[in-house]
Amino acid sequence: MIQKLTIDDFHPKGLKVKKKCPAGFEVAYIFEKEMCNALWAAYANGRPLLLRGDPGTGKSELAFAIAAHLDWPLVKKVIQGNTELDDLHFRFDAVQRLADAQLYCHTTENSSGGEPQRLAIENYISPGPIWWAFNWAEAEKTLKNVASVLKPPSSPKNWKPGDGCVLLIDEIDKADPDLPNGLLETFGDRCFEVPLLGREIHVSQPVLTIITTNEERDLPLPFLRRCLELELKLETNEEKRDGWLIERGKLHYGEDIDETVYAKAASLVWQQRDRAQELNRYQPGLAEYLDLLNALSQAPKKKQGEILKKISPFVLKKG
């Protein structure tokens, strides 16, 4: 029997996470208590958590951070305008199957008649992100049949199928309204059908579903009613906002950045953000601050202040 996690399990020590994720890159994130509470509520209810907020406020990173904290794998799908519901469930490689069939027709193997086993439908169906999140063991079993070099998503060292998984559906506002409406049935029934295989895939492990939106398009009301919602915001208090950025920057880069440069970079971000707001343009935020620090961390400390002045216009001015 799978042990249910408590609300305390969703609160990292010191509300900070800094560790390498299974994909190989380091996750560094500072949580707020309301984030942890919202994440646990979504997990406990089996409902998606819809993250709102300006671009660059750390919505996608929150999904990676909670997955790292829980030692769960994360499966992800970035939504595009042409993404369909089936793309989240599974992928049927009809092109490869056709190519293999044509190759077969030019061999002597077809003299006995009938379709060879290697052209069977199940050899060309690969699991999508929802399949992995709902039923990892079944997805892994299915993938072994696929006539390609696909690999399972990365997972923590001591993790096993059934322990739990984080599903990230990124930028759902880019999708046609049919997609979020279609997800209602998948998340409501906690299963979906794979028609080509004639079977249903049911949830067999804890799933924490996180969906992000940048508000480019309104989402259908029935979909919103099925979600829990959390809005991520930057600290805007003038007395606290520099420190808010610096604290997050130091978690990522520590002593690789000169102490004064942390403060100068934060000040530049807020100056450009205030200016962009007046001009109704894109406002830089945490993501751009970290981009600045990432570049500076690759330079000697004594030159970081000078380099900051040279590169900040290209990082912070957009739109």
C-alpha atoms as a PDB file:
ATOM      1  CA  MET A   1       0.000   0.000   0.000  1.00  0.00           C
ATOM      2  CA  ILE A   2       1.314   3.438  -0.960  1.00  0.00           C
ATOM      3  CA  GLN A   3       1.825   5.754   2.001  1.00  0.00           C
ATOM      4  CA  LYS A   4       0.049   9.072   1.607  1.00  0.00           C
ATOM      5  CA  LEU A   5       2.218  12.141   2.064  1.00  0.00           C
ATOM      6  CA  THR A   6       1.299  14.753   4.664  1.00  0.00           C
ATOM      7  CA  ILE A   7       1.272  18.503   4.248  1.00  0.00           C
ATOM      8  CA  ASP A   8       4.544  18.648   6.175  1.00  0.00           C
ATOM      9  CA  ASP A   9       6.161  16.423   3.541  1.00  0.00           C
ATOM     10  CA  PHE A  10       5.635  19.237   1.052  1.00  0.00           C
ATOM     11  CA  HIS A  11       7.563  21.786   3.145  1.00  0.00           C
ATOM     12  CA  PRO A  12      11.316  21.509   2.441  1.00  0.00           C
ATOM     13  CA  LYS A  13      13.656  22.234   5.318  1.00  0.00           C
ATOM     14  CA  GLY A  14      14.153  25.972   5.479  1.00  0.00           C
ATOM     15  CA  LEU A  15      11.794  26.199   2.493  1.00  0.00           C
ATOM     16  CA  LYS A  16      14.818  25.745   0.218  1.00  0.00           C
ATOM     17  CA  VAL A  17      15.821  23.064  -2.265  1.00  0.00           C
ATOM     18  CA  LYS A  18      19.213  22.761  -3.907  1.00  0.00           C
ATOM     19  CA  LYS A  19      20.038  19.408  -5.436  1.00  0.00           C
ATOM     20  CA  LYS A  20      20.773  17.756  -8.740  1.00  0.00           C
ATOM     21  CA  CYS A  21      17.704  16.384 -10.503  1.00  0.00           C
ATOM     22  CA  PRO A  22      17.670  13.058 -12.411  1.00  0.00           C
ATOM     23  CA  ALA A  23      18.056  14.925 -15.721  1.00  0.00           C
ATOM     24  CA  GLY A  24      21.508  16.024 -14.557  1.00  0.00           C
ATOM     25  CA  PHE A  25      21.094  19.748 -13.872  1.00  0.00           C
ATOM     26  CA  GLU A  26      20.917  21.434 -10.487  1.00  0.00           C
ATOM     27  CA  VAL A  27      17.607  22.655  -9.110  1.00  0.00           C
ATOM     28  CA  ALA A  28      17.768  25.625  -6.721  1.00  0.00           C
ATOM     29  CA  TYR A  29      14.515  27.084  -5.449  1.00  0.00           C
ATOM     30  CA  ILE A  30      13.150  29.044  -2.496  1.00  0.00           C
ATOM     31  CA  PHE A  31       9.572  28.120  -1.633  1.00  0.00           C
ATOM     32  CA  GLU A  32       6.977  30.147   0.161  1.00  0.00           C
ATOM     33  CA  LYS A  33       4.602  28.477   2.616  1.00  0.00           C
ATOM     34  CA  GLU A  34       1.546  29.131   0.459  1.00  0.00           C
ATOM     35  CA  MET A  35       3.248  27.326  -2.450  1.00  0.00           C
ATOM     36  CA  CYS A  36       3.816  24.229  -0.316  1.00  0.00           C
ATOM     37  CA  ASN A  37       0.251  24.299   0.980  1.00  0.00           C
ATOM     38  CA  ALA A  38      -1.179  24.638  -2.532  1.00  0.00           C
ATOM     39  CA  LEU A  39       0.994  21.805  -3.862  1.00  0.00           C
ATOM     40  CA  TRP A  40      -0.123  19.471  -1.097  1.00  0.00           C
ATOM     41  CA  ALA A  41      -3.787  20.411  -1.577  1.00  0.00           C
ATOM     42  CA  ALA A  42      -3.531  19.552  -5.284  1.00  0.00           C
ATOM     43  CA  TYR A  43      -1.811  16.253  -4.463  1.00  0.00           C
ATOM     44  CA  ALA A  44      -4.331  15.347  -1.751  1.00  0.00           C
ATOM     45  CA  ASN A  45      -7.323  16.114  -3.970  1.00  0.00           C
ATOM     46  CA  GLY A  46      -5.879  14.553  -7.109  1.00  0.00           C
ATOM     47  CA  ARG A  47      -6.540  17.789  -8.983  1.00  0.00           C
ATOM     48  CA  PRO A  48      -4.206  19.844 -11.183  1.00  0.00           C
ATOM     49  CA  LEU A  49      -2.586  22.942  -9.705  1.00  0.00           C
ATOM     50  CA  LEU A  50      -2.826  25.820 -12.183  1.00  0.00           C
ATOM     51  CA  LEU A  51       0.057  28.272 -11.775  1.00  0.00           C
ATOM     52  CA  ARG A  52      -0.548  31.838 -12.877  1.00  0.00           C
ATOM     53  CA  GLY A  53       1.927  34.702 -12.941  1.00  0.00           C
ATOM     54  CA  ASP A  54       4.065  36.814 -15.220  1.00  0.00           C
ATOM     55  CA  PRO A  55       6.706  35.089 -17.338  1.00  0.00           C
ATOM     56  CA  GLY A  56       9.918  34.661 -15.383  1.00  0.00           C
ATOM     57  CA  THR A  57       8.308  34.259 -11.950  1.00  0.00           C
ATOM     58  CA  GLY A  58       9.424  30.634 -11.592  1.00  0.00           C
ATOM     59  CA  LYS A  59       6.283  28.678 -12.474  1.00  0.00           C
ATOM     60  CA  SER A  60       7.977  25.845 -14.346  1.00  0.00           C
ATOM     61  CA  GLU A  61      10.878  25.826 -11.896  1.00  0.00           C
ATOM     62  CA  LEU A  62       8.434  25.205  -9.035  1.00  0.00           C
ATOM     63  CA  ALA A  63       7.480  21.885 -10.639  1.00  0.00           C
ATOM     64  CA  PHE A  64      11.124  20.827 -10.946  1.00  0.00           C
ATOM     65  CA  ALA A  65      11.795  21.936  -7.362  1.00  0.00           C
ATOM     66  CA  ILE A  66       8.951  19.982  -5.754  1.00  0.00           C
ATOM     67  CA  ALA A  67       9.869  16.904  -7.808  1.00  0.00           C
ATOM     68  CA  ALA A  68      13.464  17.197  -6.578  1.00  0.00           C
ATOM     69  CA  HIS A  69      12.300  17.622  -2.986  1.00  0.00           C
ATOM     70  CA  LEU A  70       9.980  14.599  -3.128  1.00  0.00           C
ATOM     71  CA  ASP A  71      12.535  12.521  -5.048  1.00  0.00           C
ATOM     72  CA  TRP A  72       9.962  11.912  -7.763  1.00  0.00           C
ATOM     73  CA  PRO A  73      10.583  11.967 -11.513  1.00  0.00           C
ATOM     74  CA  LEU A  74       9.157  14.837 -13.517  1.00  0.00           C
ATOM     75  CA  VAL A  75       7.586  14.363 -16.938  1.00  0.00           C
ATOM     76  CA  LYS A  76       6.951  17.475 -18.970  1.00  0.00           C
ATOM     77  CA  LYS A  77       5.116  18.676 -22.048  1.00  0.00           C
ATOM     78  CA  VAL A  78       5.446  22.222 -23.381  1.00  0.00           C
ATOM     79  CA  ILE A  79       2.207  23.063 -25.157  1.00  0.00           C
ATOM     80  CA  GLN A  80       2.215  24.560 -28.652  1.00  0.00           C
ATOM     81  CA  GLY A  81      -0.600  25.821 -30.836  1.00  0.00           C
ATOM     82  CA  ASN A  82      -0.881  22.499 -32.665  1.00  0.00           C
ATOM     83  CA  THR A  83      -0.651  20.246 -29.600  1.00  0.00           C
ATOM     84  CA  GLU A  84      -3.550  17.799 -29.389  1.00  0.00           C
ATOM     85  CA  LEU A  85      -4.856  15.773 -26.468  1.00  0.00           C
ATOM     86  CA  ASP A  86      -3.487  12.518 -27.845  1.00  0.00           C
ATOM     87  CA  ASP A  87       0.010  14.033 -27.855  1.00  0.00           C
ATOM     88  CA  LEU A  88      -0.177  14.043 -24.066  1.00  0.00           C
ATOM     89  CA  HIS A  89      -1.445  10.464 -23.917  1.00  0.00           C
ATOM     90  CA  PHE A  90       0.611   8.627 -26.538  1.00  0.00           C
ATOM     91  CA  ARG A  91       2.305   8.933 -29.917  1.00  0.00           C
ATOM     92  CA  PHE A  92       1.657   6.674 -32.888  1.00  0.00           C
ATOM     93  CA  ASP A  93       4.553   6.738 -35.373  1.00  0.00           C
ATOM     94  CA  ALA A  94       2.565   6.123 -38.548  1.00  0.00           C
ATOM     95  CA  VAL A  95       5.398   7.430 -40.742  1.00  0.00           C
ATOM     96  CA  GLN A  96       7.899   4.886 -39.428  1.00  0.00           C
ATOM     97  CA  ARG A  97       5.363   2.076 -39.721  1.00  0.00           C
ATOM     98  CA  LEU A  98       4.660   3.005 -43.332  1.00  0.00           C
ATOM     99  CA  ALA A  99       8.381   3.088 -44.100  1.00  0.00           C
ATOM    100  CA  ASP A 100       8.862  -0.325 -42.495  1.00  0.00           C
ATOM    101  CA  ALA A 101       5.874  -1.714 -44.408  1.00  0.00           C
ATOM    102  CA  GLN A 102       7.288  -0.482 -47.715  1.00  0.00           C
ATOM    103  CA  LEU A 103      10.618  -2.046 -46.876  1.00  0.00           C
ATOM    104  CA  TYR A 104       8.873  -5.291 -46.044  1.00  0.00           C
ATOM    105  CA  CYS A 105       7.070  -5.287 -49.373  1.00  0.00           C
ATOM    106  CA  HIS A 106      10.428  -5.308 -51.160  1.00  0.00           C
ATOM    107  CA  THR A 107      11.731  -8.339 -49.289  1.00  0.00           C
ATOM    108  CA  THR A 108      11.049 -12.019 -49.725  1.00  0.00           C
ATOM    109  CA  GLU A 109       9.622 -12.256 -46.199  1.00  0.00           C
ATOM    110  CA  ASN A 110       6.126 -11.460 -47.435  1.00  0.00           C
ATOM    111  CA  SER A 111       5.910 -14.565 -49.581  1.00  0.00           C
ATOM    112  CA  SER A 112       4.103 -16.404 -46.801  1.00  0.00           C
ATOM    113  CA  GLY A 113       1.442 -13.697 -46.646  1.00  0.00           C
ATOM    114  CA  GLY A 114       0.169 -11.782 -43.621  1.00  0.00           C
ATOM    115  CA  GLU A 115       1.667  -8.921 -41.706  1.00  0.00           C
ATOM    116  CA  PRO A 116       4.983  -9.623 -39.960  1.00  0.00           C
ATOM    117  CA  GLN A 117       5.058  -9.271 -36.193  1.00  0.00           C
ATOM    118  CA  ARG A 118       7.408  -6.307 -36.379  1.00  0.00           C
ATOM    119  CA  LEU A 119       4.664  -4.244 -38.129  1.00  0.00           C
ATOM    120  CA  ALA A 120       2.203  -4.796 -35.263  1.00  0.00           C
ATOM    121  CA  ILE A 121       0.558  -1.568 -34.061  1.00  0.00           C
ATOM    122  CA  GLU A 122       1.964  -1.861 -30.535  1.00  0.00           C
ATOM    123  CA  ASN A 123       5.493  -1.594 -31.926  1.00  0.00           C
ATOM    124  CA  TYR A 124       4.822   1.993 -33.015  1.00  0.00           C
ATOM    125  CA  ILE A 125       2.988   3.436 -30.006  1.00  0.00           C
ATOM    126  CA  SER A 126       5.112   5.257 -27.438  1.00  0.00           C
ATOM    127  CA  PRO A 127       3.772   6.578 -24.111  1.00  0.00           C
ATOM    128  CA  GLY A 128       3.151  10.295 -23.692  1.00  0.00           C
ATOM    129  CA  PRO A 129       3.781  12.345 -20.526  1.00  0.00           C
ATOM    130  CA  ILE A 130       0.373  11.651 -18.976  1.00  0.00           C
ATOM    131  CA  TRP A 131       0.852   7.918 -19.549  1.00  0.00           C
ATOM    132  CA  TRP A 132       4.206   8.001 -17.714  1.00  0.00           C
ATOM    133  CA  ALA A 133       2.730  10.061 -14.886  1.00  0.00           C
ATOM    134  CA  PHE A 134      -0.365   7.876 -14.486  1.00  0.00           C
ATOM    135  CA  ASN A 135       1.159   4.430 -14.883  1.00  0.00           C
ATOM    136  CA  TRP A 136       4.947   4.319 -15.172  1.00  0.00           C
ATOM    137  CA  ALA A 137       5.181   0.529 -15.063  1.00  0.00           C
ATOM    138  CA  GLU A 138       2.724   0.102 -17.931  1.00  0.00           C
ATOM    139  CA  ALA A 139       4.479   2.827 -19.945  1.00  0.00           C
ATOM    140  CA  GLU A 140       7.851   1.154 -19.431  1.00  0.00           C
ATOM    141  CA  LYS A 141       6.434  -2.179 -20.519  1.00  0.00           C
ATOM    142  CA  THR A 142       4.884  -0.623 -23.628  1.00  0.00           C
ATOM    143  CA  LEU A 143       8.073   1.222 -24.557  1.00  0.00           C
ATOM    144  CA  LYS A 144       9.979  -2.074 -24.799  1.00  0.00           C
ATOM    145  CA  ASN A 145       7.895  -2.947 -27.867  1.00  0.00           C
ATOM    146  CA  VAL A 146       8.567   0.308 -29.704  1.00  0.00           C
ATOM    147  CA  ALA A 147      10.699   0.031 -32.847  1.00  0.00           C
ATOM    148  CA  SER A 148      12.904   3.024 -31.979  1.00  0.00           C
ATOM    149  CA  VAL A 149      15.638   4.125 -29.590  1.00  0.00           C
ATOM    150  CA  LEU A 150      13.318   5.944 -27.175  1.00  0.00           C
ATOM    151  CA  LYS A 151      14.204   5.928 -23.476  1.00  0.00           C
ATOM    152  CA  PRO A 152      12.069   6.328 -20.334  1.00  0.00           C
ATOM    153  CA  PRO A 153      12.108   9.746 -18.628  1.00  0.00           C
ATOM    154  CA  SER A 154      14.849  10.261 -16.053  1.00  0.00           C
ATOM    155  CA  SER A 155      14.028   9.089 -12.531  1.00  0.00           C
ATOM    156  CA  PRO A 156      15.769   9.359  -9.113  1.00  0.00           C
ATOM    157  CA  LYS A 157      18.255   6.665  -8.146  1.00  0.00           C
ATOM    158  CA  ASN A 158      16.214   4.883  -5.468  1.00  0.00           C
ATOM    159  CA  TRP A 159      12.812   5.627  -6.980  1.00  0.00           C
ATOM    160  CA  LYS A 160      10.602   2.840  -8.302  1.00  0.00           C
ATOM    161  CA  PRO A 161       7.373   2.884 -10.368  1.00  0.00           C
ATOM    162  CA  GLY A 162       4.433   3.477  -8.081  1.00  0.00           C
ATOM    163  CA  ASP A 163       6.219   5.837  -5.690  1.00  0.00           C
ATOM    164  CA  GLY A 164       4.847   8.996  -7.329  1.00  0.00           C
ATOM    165  CA  CYS A 165       5.431  11.369 -10.232  1.00  0.00           C
ATOM    166  CA  VAL A 166       5.175  15.080 -11.028  1.00  0.00           C
ATOM    167  CA  LEU A 167       3.484  15.961 -14.322  1.00  0.00           C
ATOM    168  CA  LEU A 168       4.195  19.420 -15.758  1.00  0.00           C
ATOM    169  CA  ILE A 169       1.995  20.747 -18.561  1.00  0.00           C
ATOM    170  CA  ASP A 170       3.675  24.010 -19.498  1.00  0.00           C
ATOM    171  CA  GLU A 171       2.016  27.053 -21.128  1.00  0.00           C
ATOM    172  CA  ILE A 172      -1.428  25.552 -21.630  1.00  0.00           C
ATOM    173  CA  ASP A 173      -2.754  28.953 -22.710  1.00  0.00           C
ATOM    174  CA  LYS A 174      -1.109  28.369 -26.116  1.00  0.00           C
ATOM    175  CA  ALA A 175      -3.405  25.435 -26.820  1.00  0.00           C
ATOM    176  CA  ASP A 176      -6.682  25.334 -28.669  1.00  0.00           C
ATOM    177  CA  PRO A 177      -9.584  25.329 -26.129  1.00  0.00           C
ATOM    178  CA  ASP A 178     -10.350  21.728 -27.082  1.00  0.00           C
ATOM    179  CA  LEU A 179      -7.200  20.555 -25.310  1.00  0.00           C
ATOM    180  CA  PRO A 180      -7.975  21.803 -21.756  1.00  0.00           C
ATOM    181  CA  ASN A 181     -11.569  20.674 -22.227  1.00  0.00           C
ATOM    182  CA  GLY A 182     -10.308  17.232 -23.226  1.00  0.00           C
ATOM    183  CA  LEU A 183      -8.128  17.080 -20.139  1.00  0.00           C
ATOM    184  CA  LEU A 184     -11.246  17.346 -17.967  1.00  0.00           C
ATOM    185  CA  GLU A 185     -12.169  13.766 -18.746  1.00  0.00           C
ATOM    186  CA  THR A 186      -8.608  12.465 -18.366  1.00  0.00           C
ATOM    187  CA  PHE A 187      -8.096  14.033 -14.940  1.00  0.00           C
ATOM    188  CA  GLY A 188     -11.683  13.487 -13.819  1.00  0.00           C
ATOM    189  CA  ASP A 189     -11.722   9.764 -14.664  1.00  0.00           C
ATOM    190  CA  ARG A 190      -8.011   9.345 -13.812  1.00  0.00           C
ATOM    191  CA  CYS A 191      -7.641   7.225 -16.916  1.00  0.00           C
ATOM    192  CA  PHE A 192      -7.569   7.526 -20.704  1.00  0.00           C
ATOM    193  CA  GLU A 193      -8.052   5.231 -23.665  1.00  0.00           C
ATOM    194  CA  VAL A 194      -5.479   4.112 -26.210  1.00  0.00           C
ATOM    195  CA  PRO A 195      -7.867   3.181 -29.067  1.00  0.00           C
ATOM    196  CA  LEU A 196      -5.192   1.594 -31.263  1.00  0.00           C
ATOM    197  CA  LEU A 197      -4.402  -0.850 -28.476  1.00  0.00           C
ATOM    198  CA  GLY A 198      -7.983  -1.289 -27.320  1.00  0.00           C
ATOM    199  CA  ARG A 199      -7.225  -0.652 -23.666  1.00  0.00           C
ATOM    200  CA  GLU A 200      -7.395   1.986 -20.955  1.00  0.00           C
ATOM    201  CA  ILE A 201      -4.510   3.331 -18.891  1.00  0.00           C
ATOM    202  CA  HIS A 202      -5.445   3.915 -15.250  1.00  0.00           C
ATOM    203  CA  VAL A 203      -3.627   5.825 -12.507  1.00  0.00           C
ATOM    204  CA  SER A 204      -1.458   3.428 -10.516  1.00  0.00           C
ATOM    205  CA  GLN A 205       0.724   5.853  -8.542  1.00  0.00           C
ATOM    206  CA  PRO A 206       0.434   9.246  -6.802  1.00  0.00           C
ATOM    207  CA  VAL A 207       0.457  12.074  -9.335  1.00  0.00           C
ATOM    208  CA  LEU A 208       1.026  15.767  -8.729  1.00  0.00           C
ATOM    209  CA  THR A 209      -0.096  17.642 -11.846  1.00  0.00           C
ATOM    210  CA  ILE A 210       1.151  21.201 -12.342  1.00  0.00           C
ATOM    211  CA  ILE A 211      -0.138  23.312 -15.225  1.00  0.00           C
ATOM    212  CA  THR A 212       1.230  26.750 -16.083  1.00  0.00           C
ATOM    213  CA  THR A 213      -0.314  29.640 -17.984  1.00  0.00           C
ATOM    214  CA  ASN A 214       1.057  33.000 -19.121  1.00  0.00           C
ATOM    215  CA  GLU A 215      -2.499  34.308 -19.668  1.00  0.00           C
ATOM    216  CA  GLU A 216      -2.117  34.645 -23.445  1.00  0.00           C
ATOM    217  CA  ARG A 217      -5.560  33.100 -23.874  1.00  0.00           C
ATOM    218  CA  ASP A 218      -8.503  32.639 -21.509  1.00  0.00           C
ATOM    219  CA  LEU A 219      -8.994  29.077 -20.320  1.00  0.00           C
ATOM    220  CA  PRO A 220     -12.432  27.406 -20.392  1.00  0.00           C
ATOM    221  CA  LEU A 221     -14.422  27.836 -17.179  1.00  0.00           C
ATOM    222  CA  PRO A 222     -15.169  24.098 -16.764  1.00  0.00           C
ATOM    223  CA  PHE A 223     -11.426  23.464 -16.848  1.00  0.00           C
ATOM    224  CA  LEU A 224     -10.718  26.213 -14.316  1.00  0.00           C
ATOM    225  CA  ARG A 225     -13.330  24.772 -11.949  1.00  0.00           C
ATOM    226  CA  ARG A 226     -11.454  21.453 -11.895  1.00  0.00           C
ATOM    227  CA  CYS A 227      -8.133  23.081 -10.984  1.00  0.00           C
ATOM    228  CA  LEU A 228      -6.682  24.517  -7.832  1.00  0.00           C
ATOM    229  CA  GLU A 229      -5.013  27.865  -8.519  1.00  0.00           C
ATOM    230  CA  LEU A 230      -1.910  29.639  -7.282  1.00  0.00           C
ATOM    231  CA  GLU A 231      -0.496  32.922  -8.553  1.00  0.00           C
ATOM    232  CA  LEU A 232       3.249  33.453  -8.334  1.00  0.00           C
ATOM    233  CA  LYS A 233       4.364  37.032  -7.841  1.00  0.00           C
ATOM    234  CA  LEU A 234       7.640  38.880  -7.518  1.00  0.00           C
ATOM    235  CA  GLU A 235       8.305  40.823  -4.336  1.00  0.00           C
ATOM    236  CA  THR A 236       7.364  44.425  -5.198  1.00  0.00           C
ATOM    237  CA  ASN A 237       7.955  46.174  -1.871  1.00  0.00           C
ATOM    238  CA  GLU A 238      10.781  48.615  -2.611  1.00  0.00           C
ATOM    239  CA  GLU A 239      12.459  47.917   0.726  1.00  0.00           C
ATOM    240  CA  LYS A 240      12.413  44.140   0.239  1.00  0.00           C
ATOM    241  CA  ARG A 241      12.582  43.513  -3.496  1.00  0.00           C
ATOM    242  CA  ASP A 242      16.372  43.740  -3.916  1.00  0.00           C
ATOM    243  CA  GLY A 243      16.897  41.288  -1.060  1.00  0.00           C
ATOM    244  CA  TRP A 244      14.245  38.975  -2.518  1.00  0.00           C
ATOM    245  CA  LEU A 245      16.222  38.646  -5.760  1.00  0.00           C
ATOM    246  CA  ILE A 246      19.605  38.472  -4.049  1.00  0.00           C
ATOM    247  CA  GLU A 247      18.524  35.627  -1.769  1.00  0.00           C
ATOM    248  CA  ARG A 248      17.479  33.551  -4.772  1.00  0.00           C
ATOM    249  CA  GLY A 249      20.573  34.469  -6.718  1.00  0.00           C
ATOM    250  CA  LYS A 250      22.860  33.391  -3.880  1.00  0.00           C
ATOM    251  CA  LEU A 251      21.099  30.034  -3.606  1.00  0.00           C
ATOM    252  CA  HIS A 252      22.061  29.372  -7.233  1.00  0.00           C
ATOM    253  CA  TYR A 253      25.551  30.864  -7.439  1.00  0.00           C
ATOM    254  CA  GLY A 254      26.827  31.294  -3.877  1.00  0.00           C
ATOM    255  CA  GLU A 255      30.373  32.678  -3.764  1.00  0.00           C
ATOM    256  CA  ASP A 256      30.803  32.540  -7.552  1.00  0.00           C
ATOM    257  CA  ILE A 257      29.414  36.081  -7.735  1.00  0.00           C
ATOM    258  CA  ASP A 258      30.925  39.133  -6.051  1.00  0.00           C
ATOM    259  CA  GLU A 259      28.744  40.381  -3.170  1.00  0.00           C
ATOM    260  CA  THR A 260      28.357  43.876  -4.603  1.00  0.00           C
ATOM    261  CA  VAL A 261      27.454  42.482  -8.038  1.00  0.00           C
ATOM    262  CA  TYR A 262      24.439  40.646  -6.612  1.00  0.00           C
ATOM    263  CA  ALA A 263      23.065  43.991  -5.432  1.00  0.00           C
ATOM    264  CA  LYS A 264      23.958  45.912  -8.600  1.00  0.00           C
ATOM    265  CA  ALA A 265      22.304  43.318 -10.824  1.00  0.00           C
ATOM    266  CA  ALA A 266      19.150  43.346  -8.677  1.00  0.00           C
ATOM    267  CA  SER A 267      18.982  47.135  -8.852  1.00  0.00           C
ATOM    268  CA  LEU A 268      19.298  47.066 -12.638  1.00  0.00           C
ATOM    269  CA  VAL A 269      16.477  44.532 -12.916  1.00  0.00           C
ATOM    270  CA  TRP A 270      14.078  46.678 -10.918  1.00  0.00           C
ATOM    271  CA  GLN A 271      15.067  49.861 -12.752  1.00  0.00           C
ATOM    272  CA  GLN A 272      14.371  48.246 -16.113  1.00  0.00           C
ATOM    273  CA  ARG A 273      11.196  46.642 -14.800  1.00  0.00           C
ATOM    274  CA  ASP A 274       9.806  49.994 -13.628  1.00  0.00           C
ATOM    275  CA  ARG A 275      10.741  51.593 -16.959  1.00  0.00           C
ATOM    276  CA  ALA A 276       9.177  48.760 -18.980  1.00  0.00           C
ATOM    277  CA  GLN A 277       5.957  48.987 -16.984  1.00  0.00           C
ATOM    278  CA  GLU A 278       5.605  52.661 -17.901  1.00  0.00           C
ATOM    279  CA  LEU A 279       6.140  51.809 -21.585  1.00  0.00           C
ATOM    280  CA  ASN A 280       3.810  48.794 -21.444  1.00  0.00           C
ATOM    281  CA  ARG A 281       6.603  46.432 -22.489  1.00  0.00           C
ATOM    282  CA  TYR A 282       7.850  43.100 -21.200  1.00  0.00           C
ATOM    283  CA  GLN A 283       9.046  43.465 -17.625  1.00  0.00           C
ATOM    284  CA  PRO A 284      12.177  41.515 -16.659  1.00  0.00           C
ATOM    285  CA  GLY A 285      12.048  39.472 -13.478  1.00  0.00           C
ATOM    286  CA  LEU A 286      13.676  36.601 -11.652  1.00  0.00           C
ATOM    287  CA  ALA A 287      14.500  34.694 -14.848  1.00  0.00           C
ATOM    288  CA  GLU A 288      16.459  37.621 -16.291  1.00  0.00           C
ATOM    289  CA  TYR A 289      18.234  38.228 -12.987  1.00  0.00           C
ATOM    290  CA  LEU A 290      19.412  34.624 -12.956  1.00  0.00           C
ATOM    291  CA  ASP A 291      20.459  34.923 -16.607  1.00  0.00           C
ATOM    292  CA  LEU A 292      22.681  37.852 -15.673  1.00  0.00           C
ATOM    293  CA  LEU A 293      24.227  35.942 -12.772  1.00  0.00           C
ATOM    294  CA  ASN A 294      24.724  32.827 -14.865  1.00  0.00           C
ATOM    295  CA  ALA A 295      26.815  34.761 -17.382  1.00  0.00           C
ATOM    296  CA  LEU A 296      28.732  36.610 -14.677  1.00  0.00           C
ATOM    297  CA  SER A 297      29.525  33.394 -12.786  1.00  0.00           C
ATOM    298  CA  GLN A 298      31.725  32.416 -15.720  1.00  0.00           C
ATOM    299  CA  ALA A 299      33.906  35.516 -15.346  1.00  0.00           C
ATOM    300  CA  PRO A 300      36.521  36.431 -12.690  1.00  0.00           C
ATOM    301  CA  LYS A 301      34.993  38.256  -9.707  1.00  0.00           C
ATOM    302  CA  LYS A 302      37.123  41.360 -10.248  1.00  0.00           C
ATOM    303  CA  LYS A 303      35.659  41.794 -13.730  1.00  0.00           C
ATOM    304  CA  GLN A 304      32.020  40.954 -12.985  1.00  0.00           C
ATOM    305  CA  GLY A 305      30.955  44.544 -12.223  1.00  0.00           C
ATOM    306  CA  GLU A 306      32.409  45.793 -15.500  1.00  0.00           C
ATOM    307  CA  ILE A 307      30.864  42.948 -17.492  1.00  0.00           C
ATOM    308  CA  LEU A 308      27.484  43.491 -15.836  1.00  0.00           C
ATOM    309  CA  LYS A 309      27.283  46.978 -17.354  1.00  0.00           C
ATOM    310  CA  LYS A 310      28.123  45.586 -20.797  1.00  0.00           C
ATOM    311  CA  ILE A 311      25.611  42.744 -20.916  1.00  0.00           C
ATOM    312  CA  SER A 312      22.650  43.996 -18.878  1.00  0.00           C
ATOM    313  CA  PRO A 313      20.975  45.877 -21.801  1.00  0.00           C
ATOM    314  CA  PHE A 314      20.835  42.671 -23.866  1.00  0.00           C
ATOM    315  CA  VAL A 315      19.458  40.577 -21.008  1.00  0.00           C
ATOM    316  CA  LEU A 316      16.940  43.016 -19.525  1.00  0.00           C
ATOM    317  CA  LYS A 317      15.534  45.044 -22.440  1.00  0.00           C
ATOM    318  CA  LYS A 318      12.934  43.068 -24.375  1.00  0.00           C
ATOM    319  CA  GLY A 319       9.996  43.987 -26.544  1.00  0.00           C
END
